[in-house]
Amino acid sequence: MSINIGDLAENVAFYTEVLGLDVLPRPDADIAVDGAWLGLPDGRQVHLLVQESRPADGQHFAFEVDDLDAVLTELEGKGVRVSPPSTLAAVCRQSFTKDPSGNLLEFNQRL
């Protein structure tokens, strides 16, 4: 997944220090924009791309978590503001925050 961001250093710090993703080597290719490749523990990748465009209202992506309450406690302990958890009946519990560039992130615990 690729995410348009503003400040590269600020967003790399958020995704690595706050969310725990790992910095991966960026491919040695002719990529016209600055950015960073990050890895999730399950092998999926998040590509941060420095762009002027901003996220559309409501556009978001989700991180599936095993224990939403533990994730929220950890995030709040790091100074991250998150929405109170809500429940979609028989589907999931979820909470939201934004990255430094305003991208909406969901933390989703399946029921």
C-alpha atoms as a PDB file:
ATOM      1  CA  MET A   1       0.000   0.000   0.000  1.00  0.00           C
ATOM      2  CA  SER A   2       1.287   3.482  -0.726  1.00  0.00           C
ATOM      3  CA  ILE A   3       0.430   6.537   1.330  1.00  0.00           C
ATOM      4  CA  ASN A   4       0.910  10.135   0.261  1.00  0.00           C
ATOM      5  CA  ILE A   5       2.625  12.140   2.973  1.00  0.00           C
ATOM      6  CA  GLY A   6       4.101  15.573   3.563  1.00  0.00           C
ATOM      7  CA  ASP A   7       7.213  15.629   5.745  1.00  0.00           C
ATOM      8  CA  LEU A   8       9.212  12.415   5.263  1.00  0.00           C
ATOM      9  CA  ALA A   9      11.173  12.434   8.535  1.00  0.00           C
ATOM     10  CA  GLU A  10       8.089  13.205  10.635  1.00  0.00           C
ATOM     11  CA  ASN A  11       6.083  10.410   9.036  1.00  0.00           C
ATOM     12  CA  VAL A  12       8.894   7.833   9.139  1.00  0.00           C
ATOM     13  CA  ALA A  13       9.247   8.592  12.871  1.00  0.00           C
ATOM     14  CA  PHE A  14       5.487   8.129  13.393  1.00  0.00           C
ATOM     15  CA  TYR A  15       5.233   4.856  11.481  1.00  0.00           C
ATOM     16  CA  THR A  16       8.393   3.379  13.026  1.00  0.00           C
ATOM     17  CA  GLU A  17       8.576   4.786  16.561  1.00  0.00           C
ATOM     18  CA  VAL A  18       4.832   4.948  17.268  1.00  0.00           C
ATOM     19  CA  LEU A  19       3.395   2.119  15.152  1.00  0.00           C
ATOM     20  CA  GLY A  20       6.450  -0.136  15.195  1.00  0.00           C
ATOM     21  CA  LEU A  21       7.005  -0.670  11.457  1.00  0.00           C
ATOM     22  CA  ASP A  22      10.529  -1.368  10.222  1.00  0.00           C
ATOM     23  CA  VAL A  23      12.407   0.698   7.632  1.00  0.00           C
ATOM     24  CA  LEU A  24      13.169  -1.451   4.581  1.00  0.00           C
ATOM     25  CA  PRO A  25      15.679  -0.825   1.812  1.00  0.00           C
ATOM     26  CA  ARG A  26      14.088   1.225  -0.937  1.00  0.00           C
ATOM     27  CA  PRO A  27      14.475  -0.339  -4.383  1.00  0.00           C
ATOM     28  CA  ASP A  28      17.246   1.082  -6.511  1.00  0.00           C
ATOM     29  CA  ALA A  29      14.856   2.193  -9.228  1.00  0.00           C
ATOM     30  CA  ASP A  30      14.084   5.423 -11.017  1.00  0.00           C
ATOM     31  CA  ILE A  31      11.441   6.630  -8.566  1.00  0.00           C
ATOM     32  CA  ALA A  32      10.593  10.283  -9.164  1.00  0.00           C
ATOM     33  CA  VAL A  33       9.398  11.072  -5.633  1.00  0.00           C
ATOM     34  CA  ASP A  34      11.081  10.939  -2.256  1.00  0.00           C
ATOM     35  CA  GLY A  35       9.783   8.390   0.204  1.00  0.00           C
ATOM     36  CA  ALA A  36      10.434   5.367   2.394  1.00  0.00           C
ATOM     37  CA  TRP A  37       9.531   1.672   2.341  1.00  0.00           C
ATOM     38  CA  LEU A  38       8.323   0.243   5.655  1.00  0.00           C
ATOM     39  CA  GLY A  39       7.578  -3.332   6.672  1.00  0.00           C
ATOM     40  CA  LEU A  40       4.872  -4.864   8.834  1.00  0.00           C
ATOM     41  CA  PRO A  41       5.604  -7.998  10.899  1.00  0.00           C
ATOM     42  CA  ASP A  42       3.509 -10.156   8.536  1.00  0.00           C
ATOM     43  CA  GLY A  43       5.631  -9.201   5.511  1.00  0.00           C
ATOM     44  CA  ARG A  44       3.291  -6.611   4.012  1.00  0.00           C
ATOM     45  CA  GLN A  45       4.756  -3.231   3.124  1.00  0.00           C
ATOM     46  CA  VAL A  46       3.726   0.392   3.457  1.00  0.00           C
ATOM     47  CA  HIS A  47       5.289   2.829   0.989  1.00  0.00           C
ATOM     48  CA  LEU A  48       5.402   6.457   2.073  1.00  0.00           C
ATOM     49  CA  LEU A  49       5.494   8.842  -0.902  1.00  0.00           C
ATOM     50  CA  VAL A  50       6.165  12.551  -0.494  1.00  0.00           C
ATOM     51  CA  GLN A  51       3.377  14.201  -2.497  1.00  0.00           C
ATOM     52  CA  GLU A  52       1.476  17.467  -2.372  1.00  0.00           C
ATOM     53  CA  SER A  53      -1.904  15.752  -2.644  1.00  0.00           C
ATOM     54  CA  ARG A  54      -3.741  15.108   0.586  1.00  0.00           C
ATOM     55  CA  PRO A  55      -6.090  12.288   1.585  1.00  0.00           C
ATOM     56  CA  ALA A  56      -9.739  12.445   0.574  1.00  0.00           C
ATOM     57  CA  ASP A  57     -12.274  12.859   3.383  1.00  0.00           C
ATOM     58  CA  GLY A  58     -13.085   9.481   4.880  1.00  0.00           C
ATOM     59  CA  GLN A  59     -10.385   7.661   2.923  1.00  0.00           C
ATOM     60  CA  HIS A  60      -8.504   5.395   5.300  1.00  0.00           C
ATOM     61  CA  PHE A  61      -6.782   2.076   5.737  1.00  0.00           C
ATOM     62  CA  ALA A  62      -6.890  -0.375   8.619  1.00  0.00           C
ATOM     63  CA  PHE A  63      -4.414  -2.263  10.740  1.00  0.00           C
ATOM     64  CA  GLU A  64      -5.895  -5.482  12.115  1.00  0.00           C
ATOM     65  CA  VAL A  65      -4.983  -5.891  15.793  1.00  0.00           C
ATOM     66  CA  ASP A  66      -5.507  -8.706  18.286  1.00  0.00           C
ATOM     67  CA  ASP A  67      -6.190  -6.489  21.318  1.00  0.00           C
ATOM     68  CA  LEU A  68      -7.602  -3.048  20.545  1.00  0.00           C
ATOM     69  CA  ASP A  69      -7.540  -1.916  24.166  1.00  0.00           C
ATOM     70  CA  ALA A  70      -3.822  -2.720  24.485  1.00  0.00           C
ATOM     71  CA  VAL A  71      -3.048  -0.885  21.227  1.00  0.00           C
ATOM     72  CA  LEU A  72      -4.993   2.188  22.349  1.00  0.00           C
ATOM     73  CA  THR A  73      -3.230   2.195  25.724  1.00  0.00           C
ATOM     74  CA  GLU A  74       0.151   2.000  23.994  1.00  0.00           C
ATOM     75  CA  LEU A  75      -0.703   4.757  21.491  1.00  0.00           C
ATOM     76  CA  GLU A  76      -2.107   7.066  24.144  1.00  0.00           C
ATOM     77  CA  GLY A  77       1.027   6.427  26.236  1.00  0.00           C
ATOM     78  CA  LYS A  78       3.038   7.755  23.283  1.00  0.00           C
ATOM     79  CA  GLY A  79       0.886  10.887  23.111  1.00  0.00           C
ATOM     80  CA  VAL A  80      -1.228   9.816  20.126  1.00  0.00           C
ATOM     81  CA  ARG A  81      -4.858  10.948  20.185  1.00  0.00           C
ATOM     82  CA  VAL A  82      -7.219   8.140  19.173  1.00  0.00           C
ATOM     83  CA  SER A  83     -10.989   8.018  18.945  1.00  0.00           C
ATOM     84  CA  PRO A  84     -12.917   6.083  21.568  1.00  0.00           C
ATOM     85  CA  PRO A  85     -13.517   2.507  20.385  1.00  0.00           C
ATOM     86  CA  SER A  86     -16.777   1.774  18.618  1.00  0.00           C
ATOM     87  CA  THR A  87     -18.336  -1.566  17.733  1.00  0.00           C
ATOM     88  CA  LEU A  88     -19.831  -2.725  14.460  1.00  0.00           C
ATOM     89  CA  ALA A  89     -22.242  -5.411  15.639  1.00  0.00           C
ATOM     90  CA  ALA A  90     -20.891  -8.940  15.091  1.00  0.00           C
ATOM     91  CA  VAL A  91     -18.019  -7.584  12.956  1.00  0.00           C
ATOM     92  CA  CYS A  92     -15.335  -5.652  14.855  1.00  0.00           C
ATOM     93  CA  ARG A  93     -14.263  -3.052  17.375  1.00  0.00           C
ATOM     94  CA  GLN A  94     -12.462  -0.080  15.855  1.00  0.00           C
ATOM     95  CA  SER A  95     -10.724   3.153  16.708  1.00  0.00           C
ATOM     96  CA  PHE A  96      -9.170   5.869  14.531  1.00  0.00           C
ATOM     97  CA  THR A  97      -6.275   8.312  14.519  1.00  0.00           C
ATOM     98  CA  LYS A  98      -4.394  10.362  11.923  1.00  0.00           C
ATOM     99  CA  ASP A  99      -0.765  10.267  10.882  1.00  0.00           C
ATOM    100  CA  PRO A 100       1.256  13.520  10.766  1.00  0.00           C
ATOM    101  CA  SER A 101       0.065  14.156   7.184  1.00  0.00           C
ATOM    102  CA  GLY A 102      -3.619  13.744   8.061  1.00  0.00           C
ATOM    103  CA  ASN A 103      -4.117  10.221   6.696  1.00  0.00           C
ATOM    104  CA  LEU A 104      -6.885   8.473   8.640  1.00  0.00           C
ATOM    105  CA  LEU A 105      -5.785   5.178  10.215  1.00  0.00           C
ATOM    106  CA  GLU A 106      -8.114   2.545  11.631  1.00  0.00           C
ATOM    107  CA  PHE A 107      -7.192  -0.049  14.252  1.00  0.00           C
ATOM    108  CA  ASN A 108      -9.555  -2.973  13.831  1.00  0.00           C
ATOM    109  CA  GLN A 109     -10.134  -5.935  16.168  1.00  0.00           C
ATOM    110  CA  ARG A 110     -12.345  -8.605  14.627  1.00  0.00           C
ATOM    111  CA  LEU A 111     -15.076 -10.066  16.843  1.00  0.00           C
END
